[in-house]
C-alpha atoms as a PDB file:
ATOM      1  CA  UNK A   1      32.502 -55.583 -47.700  1.00  0.00           C
ATOM      2  CA  UNK A   2      32.447 -57.875 -44.763  1.00  0.00           C
ATOM      3  CA  UNK A   3      29.010 -59.244 -44.525  1.00  0.00           C
ATOM      4  CA  UNK A   4      26.630 -58.944 -41.060  1.00  0.00           C
ATOM      5  CA  UNK A   5      25.788 -61.937 -39.297  1.00  0.00           C
ATOM      6  CA  UNK A   6      22.065 -62.180 -39.032  1.00  0.00           C
ATOM      7  CA  UNK A   7      20.724 -62.667 -35.823  1.00  0.00           C
ATOM      8  CA  UNK A   8      17.250 -64.153 -35.287  1.00  0.00           C
ATOM      9  CA  UNK A   9      14.868 -67.391 -34.873  1.00  0.00           C
ATOM     10  CA  UNK A  10      13.580 -68.962 -38.404  1.00  0.00           C
ATOM     11  CA  UNK A  11      10.011 -69.569 -39.150  1.00  0.00           C
ATOM     12  CA  UNK A  12      10.768 -73.589 -38.282  1.00  0.00           C
ATOM     13  CA  UNK A  13      12.070 -72.607 -34.831  1.00  0.00           C
ATOM     14  CA  UNK A  14       9.024 -70.559 -34.111  1.00  0.00           C
ATOM     15  CA  UNK A  15       6.643 -73.280 -35.190  1.00  0.00           C
ATOM     16  CA  UNK A  16       8.664 -75.960 -33.105  1.00  0.00           C
ATOM     17  CA  UNK A  17       8.063 -74.252 -29.798  1.00  0.00           C
ATOM     18  CA  UNK A  18       4.457 -73.484 -30.575  1.00  0.00           C
ATOM     19  CA  UNK A  19       3.784 -77.116 -30.998  1.00  0.00           C
ATOM     20  CA  UNK A  20       5.938 -77.776 -27.816  1.00  0.00           C
ATOM     21  CA  UNK A  21       3.533 -75.273 -25.828  1.00  0.00           C
ATOM     22  CA  UNK A  22       0.581 -76.337 -27.237  1.00  0.00           C
ATOM     23  CA  UNK A  23       1.591 -80.230 -26.316  1.00  0.00           C
ATOM     24  CA  UNK A  24       2.170 -79.048 -22.707  1.00  0.00           C
ATOM     25  CA  UNK A  25      -0.793 -76.994 -22.202  1.00  0.00           C
ATOM     26  CA  UNK A  26      -3.042 -79.922 -23.780  1.00  0.00           C
ATOM     27  CA  UNK A  27      -1.464 -81.961 -20.899  1.00  0.00           C
ATOM     28  CA  UNK A  28      -1.860 -79.447 -17.937  1.00  0.00           C
ATOM     29  CA  UNK A  29      -4.923 -78.102 -18.632  1.00  0.00           C
ATOM     30  CA  UNK A  30      -7.395 -80.833 -17.777  1.00  0.00           C
ATOM     31  CA  UNK A  31      -4.946 -81.194 -14.667  1.00  0.00           C
ATOM     32  CA  UNK A  32      -5.495 -77.722 -13.583  1.00  0.00           C
ATOM     33  CA  UNK A  33      -9.163 -77.507 -14.155  1.00  0.00           C
ATOM     34  CA  UNK A  34      -9.304 -80.906 -11.964  1.00  0.00           C
ATOM     35  CA  UNK A  35      -7.801 -78.945  -9.576  1.00  0.00           C
ATOM     36  CA  UNK A  36      -9.735 -76.051  -9.211  1.00  0.00           C
ATOM     37  CA  UNK A  37     -12.723 -78.352  -8.793  1.00  0.00           C
ATOM     38  CA  UNK A  38     -11.026 -80.520  -5.940  1.00  0.00           C
ATOM     39  CA  UNK A  39     -10.383 -76.837  -4.283  1.00  0.00           C
ATOM     40  CA  UNK A  40     -14.294 -76.134  -4.778  1.00  0.00           C
ATOM     41  CA  UNK A  41     -15.211 -79.056  -3.047  1.00  0.00           C
ATOM     42  CA  UNK A  42     -12.511 -78.515  -0.166  1.00  0.00           C
ATOM     43  CA  UNK A  43     -14.059 -75.161   0.177  1.00  0.00           C
ATOM     44  CA  UNK A  44     -17.347 -76.471   0.434  1.00  0.00           C
ATOM     45  CA  UNK A  45     -16.474 -78.967   2.767  1.00  0.00           C
ATOM     46  CA  UNK A  46     -14.660 -76.147   4.922  1.00  0.00           C
ATOM     47  CA  UNK A  47     -18.338 -74.184   4.976  1.00  0.00           C
ATOM     48  CA  UNK A  48     -20.063 -77.729   6.220  1.00  0.00           C
ATOM     49  CA  UNK A  49     -17.916 -77.965   9.234  1.00  0.00           C
ATOM     50  CA  UNK A  50     -18.308 -74.334  10.046  1.00  0.00           C
ATOM     51  CA  UNK A  51     -21.235 -74.558  10.054  1.00  0.00           C
ATOM     52  CA  UNK A  52     -21.673 -77.759  11.966  1.00  0.00           C
ATOM     53  CA  UNK A  53     -19.110 -76.491  14.347  1.00  0.00           C
ATOM     54  CA  UNK A  54     -21.338 -72.795  14.858  1.00  0.00           C
ATOM     55  CA  UNK A  55     -24.425 -74.991  15.203  1.00  0.00           C
ATOM     56  CA  UNK A  56     -22.894 -77.156  18.118  1.00  0.00           C
ATOM     57  CA  UNK A  57     -20.934 -74.087  19.364  1.00  0.00           C
ATOM     58  CA  UNK A  58     -24.555 -71.900  19.999  1.00  0.00           C
ATOM     59  CA  UNK A  59     -25.909 -74.675  20.976  1.00  0.00           C
ATOM     60  CA  UNK A  60     -23.505 -74.977  23.633  1.00  0.00           C
ATOM     61  CA  UNK A  61     -24.043 -71.535  24.628  1.00  0.00           C
ATOM     62  CA  UNK A  62     -27.588 -71.903  24.988  1.00  0.00           C
ATOM     63  CA  UNK A  63     -27.779 -74.383  26.797  1.00  0.00           C
ATOM     64  CA  UNK A  64     -25.502 -72.510  29.702  1.00  0.00           C
ATOM     65  CA  UNK A  65     -27.033 -68.977  28.979  1.00  0.00           C
ATOM     66  CA  UNK A  66     -30.553 -69.904  27.840  1.00  0.00           C
ATOM     67  CA  UNK A  67     -30.082 -66.329  25.475  1.00  0.00           C
ATOM     68  CA  UNK A  68     -32.108 -66.242  22.161  1.00  0.00           C
ATOM     69  CA  UNK A  69     -29.475 -63.514  20.906  1.00  0.00           C
ATOM     70  CA  UNK A  70     -25.796 -64.409  21.068  1.00  0.00           C
ATOM     71  CA  UNK A  71     -22.532 -63.246  20.600  1.00  0.00           C
ATOM     72  CA  UNK A  72     -19.492 -64.477  20.769  1.00  0.00           C
ATOM     73  CA  UNK A  73     -15.701 -64.185  19.598  1.00  0.00           C
ATOM     74  CA  UNK A  74     -16.733 -61.609  17.358  1.00  0.00           C
ATOM     75  CA  UNK A  75     -19.721 -62.554  16.147  1.00  0.00           C
ATOM     76  CA  UNK A  76     -22.981 -60.261  17.120  1.00  0.00           C
ATOM     77  CA  UNK A  77     -26.454 -60.579  16.960  1.00  0.00           C
ATOM     78  CA  UNK A  78     -26.625 -64.751  16.186  1.00  0.00           C
ATOM     79  CA  UNK A  79     -30.957 -65.597  16.241  1.00  0.00           C
ATOM     80  CA  UNK A  80     -30.740 -68.863  18.116  1.00  0.00           C
ATOM     81  CA  UNK A  81     -34.431 -70.851  17.323  1.00  0.00           C
ATOM     82  CA  UNK A  82     -35.683 -73.809  19.589  1.00  0.00           C
ATOM     83  CA  UNK A  83     -31.800 -74.442  20.974  1.00  0.00           C
ATOM     84  CA  UNK A  84     -29.833 -73.621  17.471  1.00  0.00           C
ATOM     85  CA  UNK A  85     -29.160 -71.168  14.975  1.00  0.00           C
ATOM     86  CA  UNK A  86     -31.609 -69.901  12.719  1.00  0.00           C
ATOM     87  CA  UNK A  87     -30.631 -70.213   8.790  1.00  0.00           C
ATOM     88  CA  UNK A  88     -29.989 -66.507   8.507  1.00  0.00           C
ATOM     89  CA  UNK A  89     -27.378 -66.241  11.303  1.00  0.00           C
ATOM     90  CA  UNK A  90     -25.721 -69.442  11.084  1.00  0.00           C
ATOM     91  CA  UNK A  91     -23.543 -68.011   7.896  1.00  0.00           C
ATOM     92  CA  UNK A  92     -22.709 -64.956   9.867  1.00  0.00           C
ATOM     93  CA  UNK A  93     -21.459 -67.538  12.796  1.00  0.00           C
ATOM     94  CA  UNK A  94     -19.834 -70.238  10.829  1.00  0.00           C
ATOM     95  CA  UNK A  95     -17.729 -66.829   9.029  1.00  0.00           C
ATOM     96  CA  UNK A  96     -19.254 -68.490   5.489  1.00  0.00           C
ATOM     97  CA  UNK A  97     -19.647 -65.260   3.647  1.00  0.00           C
ATOM     98  CA  UNK A  98     -18.586 -63.683  -0.262  1.00  0.00           C
ATOM     99  CA  UNK A  99     -16.328 -63.396  -2.122  1.00  0.00           C
ATOM    100  CA  UNK A 100     -15.372 -67.410  -1.289  1.00  0.00           C
ATOM    101  CA  UNK A 101     -19.405 -68.336  -1.460  1.00  0.00           C
ATOM    102  CA  UNK A 102     -22.493 -67.381  -3.101  1.00  0.00           C
ATOM    103  CA  UNK A 103     -26.048 -67.230  -1.466  1.00  0.00           C
ATOM    104  CA  UNK A 104     -28.432 -69.167  -3.118  1.00  0.00           C
ATOM    105  CA  UNK A 105     -31.406 -68.161  -2.772  1.00  0.00           C
ATOM    106  CA  UNK A 106     -31.502 -65.390  -0.123  1.00  0.00           C
ATOM    107  CA  UNK A 107     -31.137 -67.053   3.186  1.00  0.00           C
ATOM    108  CA  UNK A 108     -34.607 -67.400   5.477  1.00  0.00           C
ATOM    109  CA  UNK A 109     -35.506 -68.011   8.286  1.00  0.00           C
ATOM    110  CA  UNK A 110     -35.636 -71.606   8.417  1.00  0.00           C
ATOM    111  CA  UNK A 111     -32.658 -72.599   5.411  1.00  0.00           C
ATOM    112  CA  UNK A 112     -29.621 -71.121   3.967  1.00  0.00           C
ATOM    113  CA  UNK A 113     -27.950 -72.491   1.442  1.00  0.00           C
ATOM    114  CA  UNK A 114     -24.489 -71.515   0.022  1.00  0.00           C
ATOM    115  CA  UNK A 115     -22.241 -72.478  -2.979  1.00  0.00           C
ATOM    116  CA  UNK A 116     -18.365 -72.081  -3.440  1.00  0.00           C
ATOM    117  CA  UNK A 117     -17.986 -69.246  -5.747  1.00  0.00           C
ATOM    118  CA  UNK A 118     -17.248 -69.967  -9.591  1.00  0.00           C
ATOM    119  CA  UNK A 119     -19.356 -73.536 -10.055  1.00  0.00           C
ATOM    120  CA  UNK A 120     -21.052 -73.886 -13.341  1.00  0.00           C
ATOM    121  CA  UNK A 121     -23.947 -74.927 -11.710  1.00  0.00           C
ATOM    122  CA  UNK A 122     -24.925 -73.813  -7.889  1.00  0.00           C
ATOM    123  CA  UNK A 123     -27.461 -76.844  -7.918  1.00  0.00           C
ATOM    124  CA  UNK A 124     -24.301 -79.463  -8.401  1.00  0.00           C
ATOM    125  CA  UNK A 125     -22.039 -78.479  -5.834  1.00  0.00           C
ATOM    126  CA  UNK A 126     -23.533 -76.606  -2.377  1.00  0.00           C
ATOM    127  CA  UNK A 127     -24.244 -76.920   1.262  1.00  0.00           C
ATOM    128  CA  UNK A 128     -28.068 -76.741   2.568  1.00  0.00           C
ATOM    129  CA  UNK A 129     -28.799 -75.393   6.758  1.00  0.00           C
ATOM    130  CA  UNK A 130     -31.811 -76.295   7.755  1.00  0.00           C
ATOM    131  CA  UNK A 131     -32.592 -75.486  10.997  1.00  0.00           C
ATOM    132  CA  UNK A 132     -33.710 -77.499  14.213  1.00  0.00           C
ATOM    133  CA  UNK A 133     -37.482 -78.006  14.534  1.00  0.00           C
ATOM    134  CA  UNK A 134     -39.982 -79.011  16.830  1.00  0.00           C
ATOM    135  CA  UNK A 135     -40.550 -82.614  16.516  1.00  0.00           C
ATOM    136  CA  UNK A 136     -42.937 -83.004  19.390  1.00  0.00           C
ATOM    137  CA  UNK A 137     -44.948 -81.193  21.587  1.00  0.00           C
ATOM    138  CA  UNK A 138     -45.784 -81.747  24.966  1.00  0.00           C
ATOM    139  CA  UNK A 139     -43.720 -83.754  27.881  1.00  0.00           C
ATOM    140  CA  UNK A 140     -40.946 -84.283  26.738  1.00  0.00           C
ATOM    141  CA  UNK A 141     -40.512 -81.130  24.012  1.00  0.00           C
ATOM    142  CA  UNK A 142     -38.243 -83.289  21.351  1.00  0.00           C
ATOM    143  CA  UNK A 143     -36.514 -80.830  19.156  1.00  0.00           C
ATOM    144  CA  UNK A 144     -34.444 -82.161  15.699  1.00  0.00           C
ATOM    145  CA  UNK A 145     -31.371 -80.901  15.239  1.00  0.00           C
ATOM    146  CA  UNK A 146     -30.448 -78.543  12.190  1.00  0.00           C
ATOM    147  CA  UNK A 147     -29.605 -80.520   9.709  1.00  0.00           C
ATOM    148  CA  UNK A 148     -26.720 -79.939   6.497  1.00  0.00           C
ATOM    149  CA  UNK A 149     -27.064 -81.692   3.437  1.00  0.00           C
ATOM    150  CA  UNK A 150     -24.115 -81.481   0.890  1.00  0.00           C
ATOM    151  CA  UNK A 151     -24.228 -81.873  -2.780  1.00  0.00           C
ATOM    152  CA  UNK A 152     -21.174 -82.388  -4.691  1.00  0.00           C
ATOM    153  CA  UNK A 153     -21.889 -83.994  -7.960  1.00  0.00           C
ATOM    154  CA  UNK A 154     -20.273 -81.615 -10.225  1.00  0.00           C
ATOM    155  CA  UNK A 155     -17.938 -78.785  -8.757  1.00  0.00           C
ATOM    156  CA  UNK A 156     -16.284 -77.416 -11.892  1.00  0.00           C
END
């Protein structure tokens, strides 16, 4: 009677494969997590650039047109206060929205705070836009431009 050759893996071969996969995962996982934090920082810097650019473009359009409600390039109803977008409409003008960003807390007329989606602690990875204010009344009227403050101590 002919003996049939048995095929398959031995338990030792399977254990060795599992050990090798475990070692590779232990090496690759920290690098992957670091890449996610770097991607969130890049996303945050993108929001900063978009807000600064939208603010500057809206201010330039305000100086030319003098309109308090603007629309340009498909973005409608950007409310301008003191010559710059307010906190409620800067996000619309900059194109900063969900699902890429979380709004923390709800935007007001004076401030807007956003954080990249997926951060562990939004207070450690965020950008805060504060609308322009009148610094001095009377000739001449002095307007303080909007401020954009970035916090990126931990974007993991």
